[in-house]
Amino acid sequence: MNPRVRKVTPLEGYKLRIEFSNGETGEYDCTPLLEFGVFKELKNVQYFKSVKIVGGTVGWPNEQDICPDTLYLDSVKFVEQGA
């Protein structure tokens, strides 16, 4: 099982900065989702920014969520300075 989301911060350009339960941090781009079904609502920037942690993943008020494994595997990981 891949790590779960411990912290999420919405960024400009429909991206999420995510801290995972294993201590890694990554950036996930939600742009490809914006044209599909329930995710179209995320185009509203204020709504996009309402993202919260829900059950180890990210979610929005109208029950949109993204698989935590997808978030982990598809996010661009950050390397800590000095590591």
Protein backbone atom coordinates (compact mmCIF):
# COMPACT_ATOMS: atom_id res chain seq x y z
CA MET A 1 0.00 0.00 0.00
CA ASN A 2 1.28 3.44 -0.91
CA PRO A 3 1.48 6.27 1.64
CA ARG A 4 -1.61 8.31 2.41
CA VAL A 5 -2.11 12.09 2.46
CA ARG A 6 -1.11 13.83 5.69
CA LYS A 7 -1.36 17.45 4.48
CA VAL A 8 -2.66 19.19 1.35
CA THR A 9 -2.24 22.75 0.12
CA PRO A 10 -3.91 24.06 -3.05
CA LEU A 11 -1.56 25.91 -5.40
CA GLU A 12 -2.01 28.10 -8.47
CA GLY A 13 -2.70 26.33 -11.75
CA TYR A 14 -4.91 23.60 -10.25
CA LYS A 15 -2.03 21.91 -8.47
CA LEU A 16 -1.89 20.39 -5.01
CA ARG A 17 1.14 20.26 -2.76
CA ILE A 18 0.81 17.05 -0.79
CA GLU A 19 2.69 15.76 2.23
CA PHE A 20 2.44 11.98 2.46
CA SER A 21 2.45 9.77 5.53
CA ASN A 22 5.99 8.56 4.72
CA GLY A 23 7.34 12.13 4.95
CA GLU A 24 7.67 12.68 1.19
CA THR A 25 6.21 15.81 -0.38
CA GLY A 26 4.96 16.06 -3.93
CA GLU A 27 3.00 18.19 -6.35
CA TYR A 28 -0.02 16.75 -8.15
CA ASP A 29 -1.45 18.50 -11.23
CA CYS A 30 -5.26 18.28 -11.35
CA THR A 31 -5.53 20.01 -14.75
CA PRO A 32 -6.08 16.76 -16.73
CA LEU A 33 -9.14 15.98 -14.57
CA LEU A 34 -10.96 19.26 -15.17
CA GLU A 35 -12.78 18.08 -18.31
CA PHE A 36 -14.17 14.87 -16.81
CA GLY A 37 -17.56 14.41 -15.16
CA VAL A 38 -17.71 15.44 -11.52
CA PHE A 39 -14.26 17.03 -11.67
CA LYS A 40 -15.47 19.84 -13.97
CA GLU A 41 -16.65 21.63 -10.82
CA LEU A 42 -12.98 22.02 -9.79
CA LYS A 43 -12.57 24.63 -12.55
CA ASN A 44 -14.06 27.09 -10.06
CA VAL A 45 -10.87 28.25 -8.34
CA GLN A 46 -12.59 29.01 -5.02
CA TYR A 47 -14.11 25.55 -4.99
CA PHE A 48 -10.77 23.96 -5.93
CA LYS A 49 -9.18 25.71 -2.96
CA SER A 50 -11.72 24.11 -0.60
CA VAL A 51 -9.80 20.80 -0.82
CA LYS A 52 -9.46 18.87 2.45
CA ILE A 53 -8.03 15.57 3.65
CA VAL A 54 -10.71 12.88 3.65
CA GLY A 55 -9.86 9.33 4.71
CA GLY A 56 -6.20 9.53 3.76
CA THR A 57 -6.74 11.22 0.43
CA VAL A 58 -7.93 14.60 -0.87
CA GLY A 59 -11.57 15.52 -1.38
CA TRP A 60 -13.94 18.40 -1.98
CA PRO A 61 -17.37 19.24 -0.48
CA ASN A 62 -19.42 17.64 -3.29
CA GLU A 63 -17.69 14.28 -2.81
CA GLN A 64 -15.05 14.51 -5.52
CA ASP A 65 -11.91 12.68 -4.49
CA ILE A 66 -8.76 11.27 -6.04
CA CYS A 67 -7.38 7.82 -5.30
CA PRO A 68 -4.52 8.18 -2.80
CA ASP A 69 -2.41 5.72 -4.80
CA THR A 70 -2.83 7.90 -7.90
CA LEU A 71 -1.82 10.98 -5.93
CA TYR A 72 1.32 9.29 -4.67
CA LEU A 73 2.37 7.58 -7.90
CA ASP A 74 1.63 10.52 -10.21
CA SER A 75 2.90 13.39 -8.06
CA VAL A 76 6.24 15.01 -8.75
CA LYS A 77 8.25 14.48 -5.55
CA PHE A 78 10.37 17.19 -3.97
CA VAL A 79 13.90 16.45 -2.82
CA GLU A 80 14.77 18.11 0.48
CA GLN A 81 17.67 20.56 0.32
CA GLY A 82 20.82 19.03 1.73
CA ALA A 83 19.54 15.46 1.36
